[in-house]
């Protein structure tokens, strides 16, 4: 939703801007965001979905019909078919359960399903109070989730590009040996190196700007080549993205991938 909004008007002041040398420099040129405001908007929207007052939520915005990420859903079903029809999902940065509420009606015939979200503390606190049940669980860190739930799938959707050190996290996750890794809504540049930008969010979503990475695909894939095989690649929500850097435009893509442990 965020990236679609950015592309409605090529002259808009919202979207992805710049080509910064490091995270600190990008932060200095960003407004930041009000985490309490974002949490409250997401909570309000997802409670409406949970209570049957709305159909679908993404990035705090409500929709009158569900828009599936078929690549993500296909990855989950593939993982279930290769795991005795069981899914134990670690959804890193999964908000208050957006993907769970999006997909749960199509995952009802599994032998087992657990959907575990690892998030920032204020999201986990809210999730435990308002959303947690026998299936949907919330955790403050990856290690505790793995210890208690032994996930066979980990999801990264529209999250890696907002971390200061995404490769460090990925290296750690790869070493943990989770059977399937699914990426959705992850941004890649067509350049031969990573690009660090600032994402300016339209105020109708929420008022914010913050650093955002676009990854070099070859560098990204090199992390996985020894221990994982690529099962599938798919185009994600935003499709082609334009990064504006001074008077030039850099083309990028929103992608998804399904990896399986060798």
C-alpha atoms as a PDB file:
ATOM      1  CA  UNK A   1       0.000   0.000   0.000  1.00  0.00           C
ATOM      2  CA  UNK A   2       2.745   2.456   0.947  1.00  0.00           C
ATOM      3  CA  UNK A   3       4.663   1.963  -2.272  1.00  0.00           C
ATOM      4  CA  UNK A   4       1.518   2.073  -4.418  1.00  0.00           C
ATOM      5  CA  UNK A   5       0.639   5.438  -2.958  1.00  0.00           C
ATOM      6  CA  UNK A   6       4.102   6.721  -3.772  1.00  0.00           C
ATOM      7  CA  UNK A   7       3.715   5.866  -7.458  1.00  0.00           C
ATOM      8  CA  UNK A   8       0.390   7.581  -8.153  1.00  0.00           C
ATOM      9  CA  UNK A   9       2.098  10.868  -9.035  1.00  0.00           C
ATOM     10  CA  UNK A  10       5.625  10.863 -10.357  1.00  0.00           C
ATOM     11  CA  UNK A  11       6.067  14.444  -9.119  1.00  0.00           C
ATOM     12  CA  UNK A  12       5.008  13.629  -5.585  1.00  0.00           C
ATOM     13  CA  UNK A  13       7.234  14.542  -2.694  1.00  0.00           C
ATOM     14  CA  UNK A  14       6.621  11.125  -1.140  1.00  0.00           C
ATOM     15  CA  UNK A  15       8.449   7.913  -1.943  1.00  0.00           C
ATOM     16  CA  UNK A  16      12.140   6.993  -1.886  1.00  0.00           C
ATOM     17  CA  UNK A  17      14.776   9.688  -2.050  1.00  0.00           C
ATOM     18  CA  UNK A  18      18.540  10.029  -2.080  1.00  0.00           C
ATOM     19  CA  UNK A  19      21.581   7.787  -2.046  1.00  0.00           C
ATOM     20  CA  UNK A  20      23.214   8.062   1.372  1.00  0.00           C
ATOM     21  CA  UNK A  21      26.633   6.829   2.406  1.00  0.00           C
ATOM     22  CA  UNK A  22      25.645   5.439   5.827  1.00  0.00           C
ATOM     23  CA  UNK A  23      22.724   4.915   8.197  1.00  0.00           C
ATOM     24  CA  UNK A  24      23.592   7.852  10.453  1.00  0.00           C
ATOM     25  CA  UNK A  25      23.620  10.274   7.536  1.00  0.00           C
ATOM     26  CA  UNK A  26      20.235   9.006   6.350  1.00  0.00           C
ATOM     27  CA  UNK A  27      18.804   9.300   9.858  1.00  0.00           C
ATOM     28  CA  UNK A  28      20.004  12.882  10.121  1.00  0.00           C
ATOM     29  CA  UNK A  29      17.984  13.728   7.010  1.00  0.00           C
ATOM     30  CA  UNK A  30      14.876  11.873   8.224  1.00  0.00           C
ATOM     31  CA  UNK A  31      12.023  13.119  10.374  1.00  0.00           C
ATOM     32  CA  UNK A  32      11.701   9.797  12.149  1.00  0.00           C
ATOM     33  CA  UNK A  33       8.286   8.575  13.233  1.00  0.00           C
ATOM     34  CA  UNK A  34       5.905   8.548  16.178  1.00  0.00           C
ATOM     35  CA  UNK A  35       5.908   4.878  17.181  1.00  0.00           C
ATOM     36  CA  UNK A  36       2.977   5.345  19.569  1.00  0.00           C
ATOM     37  CA  UNK A  37       0.853   6.910  16.811  1.00  0.00           C
ATOM     38  CA  UNK A  38       1.671   4.105  14.373  1.00  0.00           C
ATOM     39  CA  UNK A  39       0.923   1.422  16.954  1.00  0.00           C
ATOM     40  CA  UNK A  40      -2.433   2.989  17.782  1.00  0.00           C
ATOM     41  CA  UNK A  41      -3.431   3.187  14.104  1.00  0.00           C
ATOM     42  CA  UNK A  42      -2.432  -0.433  13.454  1.00  0.00           C
ATOM     43  CA  UNK A  43      -4.152  -1.620  16.635  1.00  0.00           C
ATOM     44  CA  UNK A  44      -7.379   0.209  15.799  1.00  0.00           C
ATOM     45  CA  UNK A  45      -7.443  -1.170  12.248  1.00  0.00           C
ATOM     46  CA  UNK A  46      -6.608  -4.765  13.166  1.00  0.00           C
ATOM     47  CA  UNK A  47      -9.129  -4.859  16.000  1.00  0.00           C
ATOM     48  CA  UNK A  48     -11.770  -4.033  13.395  1.00  0.00           C
ATOM     49  CA  UNK A  49     -10.534  -6.940  11.276  1.00  0.00           C
ATOM     50  CA  UNK A  50     -10.425  -9.262  14.277  1.00  0.00           C
ATOM     51  CA  UNK A  51     -13.954  -8.283  15.319  1.00  0.00           C
ATOM     52  CA  UNK A  52     -15.394  -8.648  11.812  1.00  0.00           C
ATOM     53  CA  UNK A  53     -15.922  -4.906  11.273  1.00  0.00           C
ATOM     54  CA  UNK A  54     -13.414  -4.746   8.394  1.00  0.00           C
ATOM     55  CA  UNK A  55     -12.022  -7.242   5.891  1.00  0.00           C
ATOM     56  CA  UNK A  56      -8.318  -6.553   5.522  1.00  0.00           C
ATOM     57  CA  UNK A  57      -5.541  -4.331   6.882  1.00  0.00           C
ATOM     58  CA  UNK A  58      -2.120  -3.464   5.499  1.00  0.00           C
ATOM     59  CA  UNK A  59       0.225  -0.779   6.866  1.00  0.00           C
ATOM     60  CA  UNK A  60      -2.633   0.400   9.141  1.00  0.00           C
ATOM     61  CA  UNK A  61      -4.885   1.059   6.103  1.00  0.00           C
ATOM     62  CA  UNK A  62      -8.212  -0.815   5.878  1.00  0.00           C
ATOM     63  CA  UNK A  63      -9.551  -2.405   2.675  1.00  0.00           C
ATOM     64  CA  UNK A  64     -13.001  -3.718   1.769  1.00  0.00           C
ATOM     65  CA  UNK A  65     -11.583  -6.970   0.384  1.00  0.00           C
ATOM     66  CA  UNK A  66      -8.566  -9.144   1.081  1.00  0.00           C
ATOM     67  CA  UNK A  67      -5.609  -8.647  -1.251  1.00  0.00           C
ATOM     68  CA  UNK A  68      -3.491 -11.779  -0.996  1.00  0.00           C
ATOM     69  CA  UNK A  69       0.213 -12.013  -1.582  1.00  0.00           C
ATOM     70  CA  UNK A  70      -0.006 -15.210  -3.612  1.00  0.00           C
ATOM     71  CA  UNK A  71       3.755 -15.668  -3.521  1.00  0.00           C
ATOM     72  CA  UNK A  72       3.785 -15.575   0.266  1.00  0.00           C
ATOM     73  CA  UNK A  73       0.749 -17.835   0.537  1.00  0.00           C
ATOM     74  CA  UNK A  74       2.225 -20.253  -1.993  1.00  0.00           C
ATOM     75  CA  UNK A  75       5.418 -20.388   0.045  1.00  0.00           C
ATOM     76  CA  UNK A  76       3.490 -21.212   3.198  1.00  0.00           C
ATOM     77  CA  UNK A  77       1.527 -23.984   1.490  1.00  0.00           C
ATOM     78  CA  UNK A  78       4.724 -25.395  -0.040  1.00  0.00           C
ATOM     79  CA  UNK A  79       6.322 -25.416   3.406  1.00  0.00           C
ATOM     80  CA  UNK A  80       3.290 -27.175   4.889  1.00  0.00           C
ATOM     81  CA  UNK A  81       3.317 -29.846   2.162  1.00  0.00           C
ATOM     82  CA  UNK A  82       6.954 -30.537   2.967  1.00  0.00           C
ATOM     83  CA  UNK A  83       6.378 -30.573   6.742  1.00  0.00           C
ATOM     84  CA  UNK A  84       3.580 -33.106   7.365  1.00  0.00           C
ATOM     85  CA  UNK A  85       0.951 -30.427   6.740  1.00  0.00           C
ATOM     86  CA  UNK A  86       2.218 -28.384   9.689  1.00  0.00           C
ATOM     87  CA  UNK A  87       3.201 -24.722   9.917  1.00  0.00           C
ATOM     88  CA  UNK A  88       5.008 -23.124  12.810  1.00  0.00           C
ATOM     89  CA  UNK A  89       5.702 -19.620  11.560  1.00  0.00           C
ATOM     90  CA  UNK A  90       8.065 -16.981  12.902  1.00  0.00           C
ATOM     91  CA  UNK A  91       6.848 -13.708  11.374  1.00  0.00           C
ATOM     92  CA  UNK A  92       9.657 -11.220  11.965  1.00  0.00           C
ATOM     93  CA  UNK A  93       8.345  -7.659  12.156  1.00  0.00           C
ATOM     94  CA  UNK A  94       4.816  -8.975  11.627  1.00  0.00           C
ATOM     95  CA  UNK A  95       3.069  -6.052  13.332  1.00  0.00           C
ATOM     96  CA  UNK A  96       0.013  -7.197  15.301  1.00  0.00           C
ATOM     97  CA  UNK A  97      -0.807 -10.086  13.003  1.00  0.00           C
ATOM     98  CA  UNK A  98      -1.500  -8.514   9.606  1.00  0.00           C
ATOM     99  CA  UNK A  99      -0.326 -11.572   7.641  1.00  0.00           C
ATOM    100  CA  UNK A 100      -2.077 -13.967   9.999  1.00  0.00           C
ATOM    101  CA  UNK A 101      -5.455 -12.282   9.579  1.00  0.00           C
ATOM    102  CA  UNK A 102      -4.832 -11.977   5.834  1.00  0.00           C
ATOM    103  CA  UNK A 103      -4.157 -15.678   5.300  1.00  0.00           C
ATOM    104  CA  UNK A 104      -5.763 -17.641   8.132  1.00  0.00           C
ATOM    105  CA  UNK A 105      -8.963 -18.533   6.250  1.00  0.00           C
ATOM    106  CA  UNK A 106      -6.888 -20.347   3.610  1.00  0.00           C
ATOM    107  CA  UNK A 107      -4.855 -22.304   6.163  1.00  0.00           C
ATOM    108  CA  UNK A 108      -7.655 -23.922   8.140  1.00  0.00           C
ATOM    109  CA  UNK A 109      -7.078 -27.530   7.032  1.00  0.00           C
ATOM    110  CA  UNK A 110      -3.537 -27.886   8.317  1.00  0.00           C
ATOM    111  CA  UNK A 111      -2.678 -30.497  10.921  1.00  0.00           C
ATOM    112  CA  UNK A 112      -1.004 -27.794  12.986  1.00  0.00           C
ATOM    113  CA  UNK A 113      -0.523 -24.035  12.763  1.00  0.00           C
ATOM    114  CA  UNK A 114       1.235 -21.603  15.058  1.00  0.00           C
ATOM    115  CA  UNK A 115       1.800 -18.008  13.978  1.00  0.00           C
ATOM    116  CA  UNK A 116       4.438 -16.313  16.105  1.00  0.00           C
ATOM    117  CA  UNK A 117       5.335 -12.655  15.714  1.00  0.00           C
ATOM    118  CA  UNK A 118       8.656 -11.160  16.786  1.00  0.00           C
ATOM    119  CA  UNK A 119       8.351  -7.403  17.097  1.00  0.00           C
ATOM    120  CA  UNK A 120       9.362  -4.282  18.987  1.00  0.00           C
ATOM    121  CA  UNK A 121       8.444  -4.287  22.660  1.00  0.00           C
ATOM    122  CA  UNK A 122       5.443  -1.957  22.431  1.00  0.00           C
ATOM    123  CA  UNK A 123       3.934  -4.046  19.627  1.00  0.00           C
ATOM    124  CA  UNK A 124       4.483  -7.282  21.562  1.00  0.00           C
ATOM    125  CA  UNK A 125       2.931  -5.808  24.702  1.00  0.00           C
ATOM    126  CA  UNK A 126      -0.110  -4.696  22.715  1.00  0.00           C
ATOM    127  CA  UNK A 127      -0.304  -8.002  20.845  1.00  0.00           C
ATOM    128  CA  UNK A 128      -0.273 -10.045  24.016  1.00  0.00           C
ATOM    129  CA  UNK A 129      -3.041  -7.914  25.511  1.00  0.00           C
ATOM    130  CA  UNK A 130      -5.392  -7.624  22.538  1.00  0.00           C
ATOM    131  CA  UNK A 131      -4.628 -10.301  19.940  1.00  0.00           C
ATOM    132  CA  UNK A 132      -2.833 -13.346  21.341  1.00  0.00           C
ATOM    133  CA  UNK A 133      -4.691 -16.671  21.355  1.00  0.00           C
ATOM    134  CA  UNK A 134      -3.908 -20.379  20.946  1.00  0.00           C
ATOM    135  CA  UNK A 135      -2.553 -19.828  17.421  1.00  0.00           C
ATOM    136  CA  UNK A 136      -1.273 -16.242  17.322  1.00  0.00           C
ATOM    137  CA  UNK A 137       1.643 -15.629  19.680  1.00  0.00           C
ATOM    138  CA  UNK A 138       3.973 -12.675  20.303  1.00  0.00           C
ATOM    139  CA  UNK A 139       7.661 -12.699  21.232  1.00  0.00           C
ATOM    140  CA  UNK A 140      10.257 -10.070  22.057  1.00  0.00           C
ATOM    141  CA  UNK A 141      13.134 -11.898  20.340  1.00  0.00           C
ATOM    142  CA  UNK A 142      13.903 -14.628  17.836  1.00  0.00           C
ATOM    143  CA  UNK A 143      15.742 -16.954  20.206  1.00  0.00           C
ATOM    144  CA  UNK A 144      12.860 -17.244  22.680  1.00  0.00           C
ATOM    145  CA  UNK A 145      10.423 -17.920  19.858  1.00  0.00           C
ATOM    146  CA  UNK A 146      12.662 -20.651  18.437  1.00  0.00           C
ATOM    147  CA  UNK A 147      13.160 -22.235  21.855  1.00  0.00           C
ATOM    148  CA  UNK A 148       9.424 -22.385  22.613  1.00  0.00           C
ATOM    149  CA  UNK A 149       7.917 -23.011  19.159  1.00  0.00           C
ATOM    150  CA  UNK A 150      10.614 -24.591  16.913  1.00  0.00           C
ATOM    151  CA  UNK A 151       9.402 -22.757  13.787  1.00  0.00           C
ATOM    152  CA  UNK A 152       9.796 -24.412  10.396  1.00  0.00           C
ATOM    153  CA  UNK A 153       9.180 -21.157   8.487  1.00  0.00           C
ATOM    154  CA  UNK A 154      10.392 -17.606   8.977  1.00  0.00           C
ATOM    155  CA  UNK A 155       8.778 -14.690   7.122  1.00  0.00           C
ATOM    156  CA  UNK A 156      10.408 -11.356   6.325  1.00  0.00           C
ATOM    157  CA  UNK A 157       7.888  -9.031   4.677  1.00  0.00           C
ATOM    158  CA  UNK A 158       8.607  -5.317   4.228  1.00  0.00           C
ATOM    159  CA  UNK A 159      10.964  -5.313   7.196  1.00  0.00           C
ATOM    160  CA  UNK A 160      14.616  -6.018   6.294  1.00  0.00           C
ATOM    161  CA  UNK A 161      15.052  -2.761   4.404  1.00  0.00           C
ATOM    162  CA  UNK A 162      14.257  -0.786   7.554  1.00  0.00           C
ATOM    163  CA  UNK A 163      16.993  -2.338   9.708  1.00  0.00           C
ATOM    164  CA  UNK A 164      20.361  -0.679  10.148  1.00  0.00           C
ATOM    165  CA  UNK A 165      22.248  -3.990   9.816  1.00  0.00           C
ATOM    166  CA  UNK A 166      20.033  -6.407   7.848  1.00  0.00           C
ATOM    167  CA  UNK A 167      22.855  -8.710   6.751  1.00  0.00           C
ATOM    168  CA  UNK A 168      23.894  -9.384  10.340  1.00  0.00           C
ATOM    169  CA  UNK A 169      20.354 -10.479  11.142  1.00  0.00           C
ATOM    170  CA  UNK A 170      20.179 -12.711   8.067  1.00  0.00           C
ATOM    171  CA  UNK A 171      23.496 -14.391   8.859  1.00  0.00           C
ATOM    172  CA  UNK A 172      22.224 -15.122  12.362  1.00  0.00           C
ATOM    173  CA  UNK A 173      18.935 -16.543  11.044  1.00  0.00           C
ATOM    174  CA  UNK A 174      20.702 -18.731   8.479  1.00  0.00           C
ATOM    175  CA  UNK A 175      22.828 -20.231  11.259  1.00  0.00           C
ATOM    176  CA  UNK A 176      19.684 -21.204  13.204  1.00  0.00           C
ATOM    177  CA  UNK A 177      18.719 -23.760  10.563  1.00  0.00           C
ATOM    178  CA  UNK A 178      15.046 -22.925  10.042  1.00  0.00           C
ATOM    179  CA  UNK A 179      13.781 -25.093   7.179  1.00  0.00           C
ATOM    180  CA  UNK A 180      12.094 -22.402   5.063  1.00  0.00           C
ATOM    181  CA  UNK A 181      12.758 -18.681   4.695  1.00  0.00           C
ATOM    182  CA  UNK A 182      10.186 -16.583   2.827  1.00  0.00           C
ATOM    183  CA  UNK A 183      10.775 -12.994   1.752  1.00  0.00           C
ATOM    184  CA  UNK A 184       7.962 -10.745   0.539  1.00  0.00           C
ATOM    185  CA  UNK A 185       7.862  -7.013  -0.255  1.00  0.00           C
ATOM    186  CA  UNK A 186      11.654  -6.729  -0.133  1.00  0.00           C
ATOM    187  CA  UNK A 187      13.274  -4.010  -2.242  1.00  0.00           C
ATOM    188  CA  UNK A 188      16.124  -4.579  -4.690  1.00  0.00           C
ATOM    189  CA  UNK A 189      18.095  -2.133  -6.790  1.00  0.00           C
ATOM    190  CA  UNK A 190      19.190  -2.871 -10.341  1.00  0.00           C
ATOM    191  CA  UNK A 191      22.545  -1.269  -9.505  1.00  0.00           C
ATOM    192  CA  UNK A 192      25.609  -3.351  -8.589  1.00  0.00           C
ATOM    193  CA  UNK A 193      25.572  -2.294  -4.935  1.00  0.00           C
ATOM    194  CA  UNK A 194      23.112  -1.650  -2.109  1.00  0.00           C
ATOM    195  CA  UNK A 195      21.495   1.791  -2.026  1.00  0.00           C
ATOM    196  CA  UNK A 196      20.441   3.567   1.162  1.00  0.00           C
ATOM    197  CA  UNK A 197      17.523   5.969   0.730  1.00  0.00           C
ATOM    198  CA  UNK A 198      14.978   7.849   2.804  1.00  0.00           C
ATOM    199  CA  UNK A 199      11.360   6.750   2.556  1.00  0.00           C
ATOM    200  CA  UNK A 200       8.859   9.597   2.915  1.00  0.00           C
ATOM    201  CA  UNK A 201       5.454   8.249   3.909  1.00  0.00           C
ATOM    202  CA  UNK A 202       2.224   9.946   2.734  1.00  0.00           C
ATOM    203  CA  UNK A 203       0.428  11.592   5.677  1.00  0.00           C
ATOM    204  CA  UNK A 204      -2.791   9.692   4.928  1.00  0.00           C
ATOM    205  CA  UNK A 205      -0.919   6.600   6.130  1.00  0.00           C
ATOM    206  CA  UNK A 206       1.101   8.298   8.875  1.00  0.00           C
ATOM    207  CA  UNK A 207       3.524  11.195   9.062  1.00  0.00           C
ATOM    208  CA  UNK A 208       7.045   9.775   8.934  1.00  0.00           C
ATOM    209  CA  UNK A 209      10.303   9.461   7.044  1.00  0.00           C
ATOM    210  CA  UNK A 210      13.124   7.026   7.770  1.00  0.00           C
ATOM    211  CA  UNK A 211      16.088   5.212   6.179  1.00  0.00           C
ATOM    212  CA  UNK A 212      15.316   2.371   3.773  1.00  0.00           C
ATOM    213  CA  UNK A 213      17.687  -0.010   2.005  1.00  0.00           C
ATOM    214  CA  UNK A 214      17.508  -1.310  -1.543  1.00  0.00           C
ATOM    215  CA  UNK A 215      19.579  -4.483  -1.770  1.00  0.00           C
ATOM    216  CA  UNK A 216      21.866  -5.728  -4.499  1.00  0.00           C
ATOM    217  CA  UNK A 217      20.366  -9.068  -5.510  1.00  0.00           C
ATOM    218  CA  UNK A 218      23.657 -10.910  -6.075  1.00  0.00           C
ATOM    219  CA  UNK A 219      25.044  -9.836  -2.701  1.00  0.00           C
ATOM    220  CA  UNK A 220      21.770 -10.834  -1.039  1.00  0.00           C
ATOM    221  CA  UNK A 221      21.698 -14.268  -2.671  1.00  0.00           C
ATOM    222  CA  UNK A 222      25.324 -14.965  -1.775  1.00  0.00           C
ATOM    223  CA  UNK A 223      24.256 -15.249   1.867  1.00  0.00           C
ATOM    224  CA  UNK A 224      22.076 -18.265   1.099  1.00  0.00           C
ATOM    225  CA  UNK A 225      23.919 -20.220  -1.589  1.00  0.00           C
ATOM    226  CA  UNK A 226      25.704 -22.660   0.737  1.00  0.00           C
ATOM    227  CA  UNK A 227      22.854 -23.633   3.057  1.00  0.00           C
ATOM    228  CA  UNK A 228      19.644 -22.846   1.143  1.00  0.00           C
ATOM    229  CA  UNK A 229      18.254 -23.444  -2.320  1.00  0.00           C
ATOM    230  CA  UNK A 230      15.959 -20.998  -4.084  1.00  0.00           C
ATOM    231  CA  UNK A 231      12.564 -22.613  -4.683  1.00  0.00           C
ATOM    232  CA  UNK A 232      10.738 -19.664  -6.239  1.00  0.00           C
ATOM    233  CA  UNK A 233      10.986 -15.962  -6.995  1.00  0.00           C
ATOM    234  CA  UNK A 234       7.989 -13.660  -7.427  1.00  0.00           C
ATOM    235  CA  UNK A 235       7.103 -10.017  -7.996  1.00  0.00           C
ATOM    236  CA  UNK A 236       5.817  -8.348  -4.851  1.00  0.00           C
ATOM    237  CA  UNK A 237       3.200  -5.674  -4.222  1.00  0.00           C
ATOM    238  CA  UNK A 238       4.880  -2.502  -5.494  1.00  0.00           C
ATOM    239  CA  UNK A 239       6.422  -3.951  -8.654  1.00  0.00           C
ATOM    240  CA  UNK A 240       8.844  -1.438 -10.163  1.00  0.00           C
ATOM    241  CA  UNK A 241       9.927   1.399  -7.886  1.00  0.00           C
ATOM    242  CA  UNK A 242      11.658   4.683  -8.699  1.00  0.00           C
ATOM    243  CA  UNK A 243      14.277   6.114  -6.352  1.00  0.00           C
ATOM    244  CA  UNK A 244      14.770   9.856  -6.806  1.00  0.00           C
ATOM    245  CA  UNK A 245      18.333  11.054  -6.336  1.00  0.00           C
ATOM    246  CA  UNK A 246      18.800  14.738  -7.168  1.00  0.00           C
ATOM    247  CA  UNK A 247      17.898  14.991 -10.862  1.00  0.00           C
ATOM    248  CA  UNK A 248      18.148  11.283 -11.633  1.00  0.00           C
ATOM    249  CA  UNK A 249      15.884   8.284 -11.123  1.00  0.00           C
ATOM    250  CA  UNK A 250      17.159   4.873 -10.069  1.00  0.00           C
ATOM    251  CA  UNK A 251      15.005   1.868 -10.925  1.00  0.00           C
ATOM    252  CA  UNK A 252      14.332  -0.806  -8.322  1.00  0.00           C
ATOM    253  CA  UNK A 253      12.011  -3.773  -7.814  1.00  0.00           C
ATOM    254  CA  UNK A 254       9.807  -5.114  -5.046  1.00  0.00           C
ATOM    255  CA  UNK A 255      10.476  -8.872  -4.866  1.00  0.00           C
ATOM    256  CA  UNK A 256       9.764 -12.059  -2.967  1.00  0.00           C
ATOM    257  CA  UNK A 257      11.676 -15.338  -2.598  1.00  0.00           C
ATOM    258  CA  UNK A 258      11.127 -18.791  -1.123  1.00  0.00           C
ATOM    259  CA  UNK A 259      14.229 -20.562   0.195  1.00  0.00           C
ATOM    260  CA  UNK A 260      14.487 -24.138   1.469  1.00  0.00           C
ATOM    261  CA  UNK A 261      17.257 -25.517   3.662  1.00  0.00           C
ATOM    262  CA  UNK A 262      19.585 -27.859   1.765  1.00  0.00           C
END
